[in-house]
Protein backbone atom coordinates (compact mmCIF):
# COMPACT_ATOMS: atom_id res chain seq x y z
CA UNK A 1 -14.32 -4.37 18.55
CA UNK A 2 -16.27 -7.53 19.60
CA UNK A 3 -16.57 -8.67 23.16
CA UNK A 4 -14.52 -6.41 24.59
CA UNK A 5 -14.71 -3.26 27.46
CA UNK A 6 -14.77 0.34 26.30
CA UNK A 7 -11.20 0.44 28.28
CA UNK A 8 -9.55 -2.46 26.34
CA UNK A 9 -11.02 -1.29 23.06
CA UNK A 10 -9.93 2.13 23.40
CA UNK A 11 -6.61 0.82 24.38
CA UNK A 12 -5.97 -1.59 21.68
CA UNK A 13 -7.05 1.22 19.02
CA UNK A 14 -4.59 3.29 20.40
CA UNK A 15 -1.80 0.97 20.10
CA UNK A 16 -2.92 0.39 16.34
CA UNK A 17 -2.92 3.75 15.52
CA UNK A 18 0.76 4.15 17.53
CA UNK A 19 1.79 1.14 15.41
CA UNK A 20 0.33 2.87 12.19
CA UNK A 21 2.31 6.17 13.13
CA UNK A 22 5.52 4.37 13.30
CA UNK A 23 4.72 2.18 10.23
CA UNK A 24 4.06 4.93 7.86
CA UNK A 25 7.08 6.85 9.12
CA UNK A 26 8.87 3.45 8.03
CA UNK A 27 7.14 2.85 4.67
CA UNK A 28 7.96 6.80 4.21
CA UNK A 29 11.66 6.27 4.78
CA UNK A 30 11.90 2.82 2.69
CA UNK A 31 9.97 4.52 -0.65
CA UNK A 32 12.27 7.36 -0.44
CA UNK A 33 15.47 5.53 -0.16
CA UNK A 34 14.45 3.25 -2.77
CA UNK A 35 13.26 6.10 -5.21
CA UNK A 36 16.87 7.20 -4.59
CA UNK A 37 18.91 4.54 -4.95
CA UNK A 38 19.80 4.15 -1.10
CA UNK A 39 19.19 0.99 0.78
CA UNK A 40 16.15 0.40 2.70
CA UNK A 41 17.70 -1.85 5.37
CA UNK A 42 20.99 -0.10 6.10
CA UNK A 43 21.99 3.72 7.32
CA UNK A 44 20.55 5.97 9.74
CA UNK A 45 17.99 8.53 8.85
CA UNK A 46 19.19 11.89 7.46
CA UNK A 47 17.51 15.04 6.18
CA UNK A 48 17.45 14.86 2.43
CA UNK A 49 18.72 18.20 1.69
CA UNK A 50 22.10 18.46 3.76
CA UNK A 51 22.72 15.00 5.05
CA UNK A 52 22.40 15.54 8.41
CA UNK A 53 21.93 12.45 10.74
CA UNK A 54 18.46 12.50 12.32
CA UNK A 55 18.17 11.93 16.10
CA UNK A 56 15.33 10.04 18.21
CA UNK A 57 13.49 13.39 18.65
CA UNK A 58 13.66 14.56 15.07
CA UNK A 59 11.82 10.99 14.11
CA UNK A 60 9.07 11.27 16.21
CA UNK A 61 5.94 10.56 13.51
CA UNK A 62 3.83 13.71 12.81
CA UNK A 63 4.91 15.41 15.86
CA UNK A 64 8.58 15.82 15.22
CA UNK A 65 7.22 17.66 12.16
CA UNK A 66 5.02 20.01 13.86
CA UNK A 67 7.57 21.06 16.28
CA UNK A 68 10.01 21.99 13.41
CA UNK A 69 7.13 23.55 11.45
CA UNK A 70 8.18 21.70 8.48
CA UNK A 71 11.64 22.41 8.60
CA UNK A 72 15.27 20.41 9.16
CA UNK A 73 16.39 21.52 12.37
CA UNK A 74 19.85 21.61 11.31
CA UNK A 75 19.79 23.36 8.14
CA UNK A 76 16.34 24.78 7.43
CA UNK A 77 15.59 23.02 4.52
CA UNK A 78 11.52 22.07 4.18
CA UNK A 79 10.53 18.61 4.84
CA UNK A 80 7.80 17.40 2.50
CA UNK A 81 4.25 17.62 4.18
CA UNK A 82 4.10 14.21 2.80
CA UNK A 83 5.48 12.70 5.82
CA UNK A 84 3.06 13.96 8.40
CA UNK A 85 0.39 12.99 6.02
CA UNK A 86 1.12 9.68 5.32
CA UNK A 87 2.11 8.46 9.00
CA UNK A 88 -1.28 10.09 9.90
CA UNK A 89 -3.02 8.17 6.95
CA UNK A 90 -1.38 4.80 7.93
CA UNK A 91 -2.49 5.52 11.77
CA UNK A 92 -6.15 5.86 10.61
CA UNK A 93 -5.68 2.83 8.35
CA UNK A 94 -4.67 0.59 10.91
CA UNK A 95 -7.38 1.68 13.45
CA UNK A 96 -9.90 0.91 10.42
CA UNK A 97 -8.55 -2.63 9.95
CA UNK A 98 -8.62 -3.36 13.53
CA UNK A 99 -12.04 -2.45 13.70
CA UNK A 100 -13.02 -4.36 10.73
CA UNK A 101 -11.03 -7.56 11.57
CA UNK A 102 -10.87 -7.21 15.27
CA UNK A 103 -7.42 -9.00 16.87
CA UNK A 104 -6.93 -11.65 14.33
CA UNK A 105 -4.25 -12.84 12.07
CA UNK A 106 -6.09 -10.82 9.13
CA UNK A 107 -5.54 -7.46 10.91
CA UNK A 108 -1.81 -8.65 10.95
CA UNK A 109 -1.95 -9.80 7.52
CA UNK A 110 -3.74 -6.77 6.25
CA UNK A 111 -1.37 -4.36 8.41
CA UNK A 112 1.58 -5.60 6.55
CA UNK A 113 -0.12 -5.51 3.26
CA UNK A 114 -1.30 -1.91 4.01
CA UNK A 115 2.51 -0.78 4.96
CA UNK A 116 3.77 -2.28 1.74
CA UNK A 117 1.40 -0.67 -0.69
CA UNK A 118 2.04 2.68 0.78
CA UNK A 119 5.55 2.38 -0.07
CA UNK A 120 4.34 1.21 -3.28
CA UNK A 121 2.41 3.67 -4.12
CA UNK A 122 5.30 6.45 -2.73
CA UNK A 123 7.85 4.90 -4.78
CA UNK A 124 5.69 4.95 -7.66
CA UNK A 125 4.56 8.14 -7.52
CA UNK A 126 8.16 9.37 -7.58
CA UNK A 127 10.02 7.03 -10.34
CA UNK A 128 6.97 5.59 -11.93
CA UNK A 129 8.33 2.23 -10.92
CA UNK A 130 7.21 -0.82 -8.88
CA UNK A 131 10.05 -2.65 -7.44
CA UNK A 132 9.69 -6.53 -7.41
CA UNK A 133 11.16 -6.55 -4.10
CA UNK A 134 8.07 -4.75 -2.65
CA UNK A 135 5.45 -7.08 -4.48
CA UNK A 136 7.38 -10.28 -3.42
CA UNK A 137 7.14 -8.88 -0.15
CA UNK A 138 3.31 -8.91 -0.20
CA UNK A 139 3.47 -12.54 -1.52
CA UNK A 140 5.55 -13.39 1.27
CA UNK A 141 2.91 -11.86 3.76
CA UNK A 142 0.53 -13.94 2.19
CA UNK A 143 2.63 -16.94 2.59
CA UNK A 144 3.94 -16.55 6.08
CA UNK A 145 0.55 -15.65 7.47
CA UNK A 146 -1.50 -18.37 5.65
CA UNK A 147 1.11 -20.86 7.47
CA UNK A 148 0.32 -19.22 10.80
CA UNK A 149 -3.42 -20.14 10.38
CA UNK A 150 -2.63 -24.01 10.56
CA UNK A 151 -4.82 -26.33 8.57
CA UNK A 152 -4.06 -27.36 4.82
CA UNK A 153 -1.11 -25.07 4.10
CA UNK A 154 -0.92 -26.05 0.41
CA UNK A 155 -4.37 -26.17 -0.40
CA UNK A 156 -4.74 -22.76 1.20
CA UNK A 157 -1.73 -21.41 -0.87
CA UNK A 158 -3.13 -22.95 -3.88
CA UNK A 159 -6.69 -21.37 -3.53
CA UNK A 160 -4.99 -17.80 -2.92
CA UNK A 161 -2.73 -18.39 -6.40
CA UNK A 162 -5.87 -19.38 -8.25
CA UNK A 163 -7.83 -16.24 -6.95
CA UNK A 164 -4.93 -14.16 -7.83
CA UNK A 165 -4.40 -15.72 -11.27
CA UNK A 166 -8.55 -16.03 -12.27
CA UNK A 167 -8.34 -12.11 -12.77
CA UNK A 168 -4.24 -11.59 -13.48
CA UNK A 169 -3.95 -13.67 -16.37
CA UNK A 170 -6.93 -12.33 -18.46
CA UNK A 171 -5.36 -9.06 -17.55
CA UNK A 172 -2.47 -9.90 -18.63
CA UNK A 173 -3.80 -11.22 -22.07
CA UNK A 174 -5.97 -7.91 -22.69
CA UNK A 175 -2.50 -5.63 -22.01
CA UNK A 176 -0.89 -8.01 -24.46
CA UNK A 177 -3.54 -7.64 -26.92
CA UNK A 178 -3.49 -3.65 -26.35
CA UNK A 179 0.09 -3.34 -26.61
CA UNK A 180 0.11 -5.00 -29.97
CA UNK A 181 -3.18 -2.82 -31.37
CA UNK A 182 -1.53 0.16 -29.79
CA UNK A 183 2.04 -0.29 -30.80
CA UNK A 184 2.93 0.92 -27.42
CA UNK A 185 3.13 -0.39 -23.61
CA UNK A 186 -0.52 0.11 -22.28
CA UNK A 187 -0.03 -1.14 -18.75
CA UNK A 188 3.46 -1.72 -16.95
CA UNK A 189 4.43 -5.15 -15.71
CA UNK A 190 4.77 -4.08 -12.76
CA UNK A 191 1.11 -3.26 -12.00
CA UNK A 192 0.32 -6.72 -13.44
CA UNK A 193 2.63 -8.39 -10.95
CA UNK A 194 1.03 -6.05 -8.09
CA UNK A 195 -2.39 -7.16 -8.91
CA UNK A 196 -1.54 -10.76 -9.04
CA UNK A 197 0.29 -10.16 -5.36
CA UNK A 198 -2.81 -8.21 -3.69
CA UNK A 199 -5.06 -10.82 -5.30
CA UNK A 200 -3.67 -13.93 -3.24
CA UNK A 201 -5.46 -12.30 -0.23
CA UNK A 202 -9.03 -12.40 -1.66
CA UNK A 203 -11.73 -14.51 -3.50
CA UNK A 204 -11.90 -13.54 -7.29
CA UNK A 205 -14.71 -11.26 -7.45
CA UNK A 206 -13.43 -9.28 -4.68
CA UNK A 207 -10.31 -9.03 -6.99
CA UNK A 208 -12.43 -8.23 -9.91
CA UNK A 209 -13.78 -5.53 -7.59
CA UNK A 210 -10.28 -4.12 -6.70
CA UNK A 211 -9.46 -4.18 -10.57
CA UNK A 212 -12.42 -2.55 -11.54
CA UNK A 213 -12.06 0.58 -8.74
CA UNK A 214 -8.36 0.75 -9.28
CA UNK A 215 -9.46 1.80 -12.81
CA UNK A 216 -12.04 4.79 -11.55
CA UNK A 217 -9.55 5.61 -9.22
CA UNK A 218 -6.98 5.84 -11.88
CA UNK A 219 -8.90 7.90 -13.92
CA UNK A 220 -9.81 10.31 -10.93
CA UNK A 221 -5.94 10.56 -10.21
CA UNK A 222 -4.90 11.32 -13.49
CA UNK A 223 -7.49 14.12 -13.59
CA UNK A 224 -6.94 15.44 -10.18
CA UNK A 225 -2.95 15.49 -10.45
CA UNK A 226 -2.45 16.08 -14.45
CA UNK A 227 0.52 17.93 -13.58
CA UNK A 228 2.41 15.29 -12.03
CA UNK A 229 4.53 13.27 -14.35
CA UNK A 230 6.84 10.13 -13.62
CA UNK A 231 10.91 10.96 -14.63
CA UNK A 232 10.36 9.83 -18.11
CA UNK A 233 8.45 13.26 -18.73
CA UNK A 234 5.84 12.04 -20.62
CA UNK A 235 3.36 13.25 -18.13
CA UNK A 236 1.45 9.89 -17.25
CA UNK A 237 0.40 9.66 -13.66
CA UNK A 238 1.44 6.28 -12.42
CA UNK A 239 -1.22 3.75 -11.91
CA UNK A 240 0.30 2.09 -8.79
CA UNK A 241 -1.04 4.60 -6.17
CA UNK A 242 -4.65 3.62 -7.74
CA UNK A 243 -4.12 0.17 -7.25
CA UNK A 244 -2.63 0.53 -3.81
CA UNK A 245 -5.81 2.87 -2.91
CA UNK A 246 -8.18 0.24 -4.70
CA UNK A 247 -6.66 -2.75 -2.60
CA UNK A 248 -6.61 -1.08 0.40
CA UNK A 249 -10.41 0.14 0.30
CA UNK A 250 -11.23 -3.82 -1.01
CA UNK A 251 -9.91 -4.56 2.09
CA UNK A 252 -12.50 -2.99 3.92
CA UNK A 253 -15.55 -3.05 1.68
CA UNK A 254 -15.07 -5.60 -1.03
CA UNK A 255 -16.63 -8.51 0.42
CA UNK A 256 -19.46 -6.80 1.65
CA UNK A 257 -19.91 -4.76 -1.61
CA UNK A 258 -19.78 -7.81 -3.88
CA UNK A 259 -22.09 -9.51 -1.46
CA UNK A 260 -24.83 -6.72 -1.77
CA UNK A 261 -24.19 -6.72 -5.44
CA UNK A 262 -24.81 -10.23 -5.98
CA UNK A 263 -27.84 -10.32 -3.77
CA UNK A 264 -29.41 -7.82 -6.22
CA UNK A 265 -30.10 -11.11 -8.64
């Protein structure tokens, strides 16, 4: 953190971690509900096995899972370890973002983006589908924070659209060509929409970095989780988690990585 005392820095990082834990828990809840046809905005949190409505002490991120030894207090059914893992990951992610961008609108913007990307990854991992509502949420995040920055809103907004389209449109053309050559779908429409949405936030060169990184991560995930398949039973590992992971890493490292590469020439 820049120009802050150690005490204030620790305070801000602690708050960031706590906010990340809560955001990760909320993303987990939204992802499960969307994957199972429930409303993400209505209803109380409940055990997925017995339907027991969870009390506040059963909803404390990470701690509740540890205290209850990974089981529902009401029926004893196991609670997936994905909950504390994603909550802990989000806490770390939020701390890394505030260390990278300090206390700025960029931090707020990328906190929201990270939480939505996590939700998208979890839904896609379980269903093989990326909800349009979450992709629109990313675009709304960009639009609202752009408005909060002040300055020429439409100029900044159109600049974001140009940077997104500079990578997403050629990708769409390539995918359509591959679909025709292969006689089957080579990439889901949701993946292309997601590439466009996350492309709003960065320069086109950083978006190209995200695209390339997502391809490498997609191959790695497919090899590591070869036994995981989507609901259609085809054994294909969804691409959404790789795109989400690449986008998050790009938040932290795309700009310096691109600058370091260009400095070689």
